[in-house]
Every structure is written in C-alpha cells, then in structure tokens.
Amino acid sequence: MTTVILDTRSEEAKRLLDFLKSTSYAKVIDEKTPNTKTLKAMEDVEAGRVNSFTSANELMTTLKKSAGV
C-alpha cells in the first residue's frame, strides 16, 4: 500500500485526483477538517480537561443527571 498526499489547490492535482477516483485500483479517502466543537474537544483532551469514572454505572448516572433524566 502506498499513501499519496495531493495539494488539490492546483488544477493539475484536481485532474489527477479525478483520474485516481475513476480507476478500480485506487481508493481515495478524503480527509475532512474537524468542526469547531470537535477541535475544542480535542484541545480539552490534550490539556487534560477530561472526566474520569470508576465504572460504567457512575458514567451513566452522571450522564442521566446532566440530561435531567
């Protein structure tokens, strides 16, 4: 398997990408940019701002309380 990264800002790269999509031997996976909420969550994790639970029951109790159930 080989990975190819294309900067699709140029027309030539866009044409190459279209060609690769049209073949049966290449699989194109478009990389999506995460939305703002996801980026914030990733930042929180990297900064250590996470919740820890000792059990699944504790997690579910906390989630139910925050949901008002």
C-alpha atoms as a PDB file:
ATOM      1  CA  MET A   1       0.000   0.000   0.000  1.00  0.00           C
ATOM      2  CA  THR A   2       1.183   3.491  -0.825  1.00  0.00           C
ATOM      3  CA  THR A   3      -0.058   6.806   0.512  1.00  0.00           C
ATOM      4  CA  VAL A   4      -0.154   9.842  -1.765  1.00  0.00           C
ATOM      5  CA  ILE A   5      -0.938  13.303  -0.441  1.00  0.00           C
ATOM      6  CA  LEU A   6      -2.226  15.789  -3.012  1.00  0.00           C
ATOM      7  CA  ASP A   7      -2.487  19.522  -2.570  1.00  0.00           C
ATOM      8  CA  THR A   8      -5.697  19.928  -4.534  1.00  0.00           C
ATOM      9  CA  ARG A   9      -5.444  23.684  -4.887  1.00  0.00           C
ATOM     10  CA  SER A  10      -3.932  23.293  -8.346  1.00  0.00           C
ATOM     11  CA  GLU A  11      -5.951  22.244 -11.395  1.00  0.00           C
ATOM     12  CA  GLU A  12      -3.365  19.605 -12.286  1.00  0.00           C
ATOM     13  CA  ALA A  13      -3.749  17.949  -8.882  1.00  0.00           C
ATOM     14  CA  LYS A  14      -7.543  18.063  -9.178  1.00  0.00           C
ATOM     15  CA  ARG A  15      -7.329  16.306 -12.545  1.00  0.00           C
ATOM     16  CA  LEU A  16      -5.016  13.666 -11.081  1.00  0.00           C
ATOM     17  CA  LEU A  17      -7.431  13.124  -8.201  1.00  0.00           C
ATOM     18  CA  ASP A  18     -10.347  12.726 -10.617  1.00  0.00           C
ATOM     19  CA  PHE A  19      -8.321  10.204 -12.595  1.00  0.00           C
ATOM     20  CA  LEU A  20      -7.475   8.184  -9.489  1.00  0.00           C
ATOM     21  CA  LYS A  21     -11.133   8.153  -8.423  1.00  0.00           C
ATOM     22  CA  SER A  22     -12.069   6.734 -11.834  1.00  0.00           C
ATOM     23  CA  THR A  23      -9.765   3.731 -11.545  1.00  0.00           C
ATOM     24  CA  SER A  24     -10.553   0.383  -9.960  1.00  0.00           C
ATOM     25  CA  TYR A  25      -7.150   0.029  -8.297  1.00  0.00           C
ATOM     26  CA  ALA A  26      -7.041   3.282  -6.302  1.00  0.00           C
ATOM     27  CA  LYS A  27      -9.092   4.092  -3.227  1.00  0.00           C
ATOM     28  CA  VAL A  28      -9.389   7.800  -2.451  1.00  0.00           C
ATOM     29  CA  ILE A  29     -10.067   8.782   1.149  1.00  0.00           C
ATOM     30  CA  ASP A  30     -10.895  12.456   1.543  1.00  0.00           C
ATOM     31  CA  GLU A  31      -9.516  13.932   4.747  1.00  0.00           C
ATOM     32  CA  LYS A  32     -12.074  16.140   6.403  1.00  0.00           C
ATOM     33  CA  THR A  33     -11.280  19.020   8.735  1.00  0.00           C
ATOM     34  CA  PRO A  34     -12.967  18.567  12.117  1.00  0.00           C
ATOM     35  CA  ASN A  35     -15.660  21.069  13.070  1.00  0.00           C
ATOM     36  CA  THR A  36     -15.172  23.667  15.824  1.00  0.00           C
ATOM     37  CA  LYS A  37     -16.817  21.558  18.535  1.00  0.00           C
ATOM     38  CA  THR A  38     -14.595  18.565  17.739  1.00  0.00           C
ATOM     39  CA  LEU A  39     -11.446  20.724  17.673  1.00  0.00           C
ATOM     40  CA  LYS A  40     -12.399  22.134  21.103  1.00  0.00           C
ATOM     41  CA  ALA A  41     -12.910  18.608  22.472  1.00  0.00           C
ATOM     42  CA  MET A  42      -9.516  17.534  21.114  1.00  0.00           C
ATOM     43  CA  GLU A  43      -7.909  20.580  22.730  1.00  0.00           C
ATOM     44  CA  ASP A  44      -9.576  19.735  26.064  1.00  0.00           C
ATOM     45  CA  VAL A  45      -8.223  16.181  25.951  1.00  0.00           C
ATOM     46  CA  GLU A  46      -4.703  17.343  25.124  1.00  0.00           C
ATOM     47  CA  ALA A  47      -4.867  19.819  28.045  1.00  0.00           C
ATOM     48  CA  GLY A  48      -6.043  17.094  30.414  1.00  0.00           C
ATOM     49  CA  ARG A  49      -9.535  18.553  30.864  1.00  0.00           C
ATOM     50  CA  VAL A  50     -11.352  15.220  30.943  1.00  0.00           C
ATOM     51  CA  ASN A  51     -13.793  13.429  33.224  1.00  0.00           C
ATOM     52  CA  SER A  52     -12.892  10.105  34.805  1.00  0.00           C
ATOM     53  CA  PHE A  53     -15.309   7.495  36.081  1.00  0.00           C
ATOM     54  CA  THR A  54     -14.671   4.402  38.160  1.00  0.00           C
ATOM     55  CA  SER A  55     -17.444   2.413  36.494  1.00  0.00           C
ATOM     56  CA  ALA A  56     -19.958   2.431  33.686  1.00  0.00           C
ATOM     57  CA  ASN A  57     -22.718   2.897  36.257  1.00  0.00           C
ATOM     58  CA  GLU A  58     -21.052   6.083  37.545  1.00  0.00           C
ATOM     59  CA  LEU A  59     -20.777   7.382  33.984  1.00  0.00           C
ATOM     60  CA  MET A  60     -24.431   6.615  33.228  1.00  0.00           C
ATOM     61  CA  THR A  61     -25.595   8.244  36.491  1.00  0.00           C
ATOM     62  CA  THR A  62     -23.649  11.412  35.647  1.00  0.00           C
ATOM     63  CA  LEU A  63     -24.997  11.494  32.086  1.00  0.00           C
ATOM     64  CA  LYS A  64     -28.569  10.984  33.259  1.00  0.00           C
ATOM     65  CA  LYS A  65     -28.233  13.793  35.804  1.00  0.00           C
ATOM     66  CA  SER A  66     -26.885  16.214  33.222  1.00  0.00           C
ATOM     67  CA  ALA A  67     -29.715  15.232  30.842  1.00  0.00           C
ATOM     68  CA  GLY A  68     -32.341  15.677  33.553  1.00  0.00           C
ATOM     69  CA  VAL A  69     -33.490  12.067  33.402  1.00  0.00           C
END
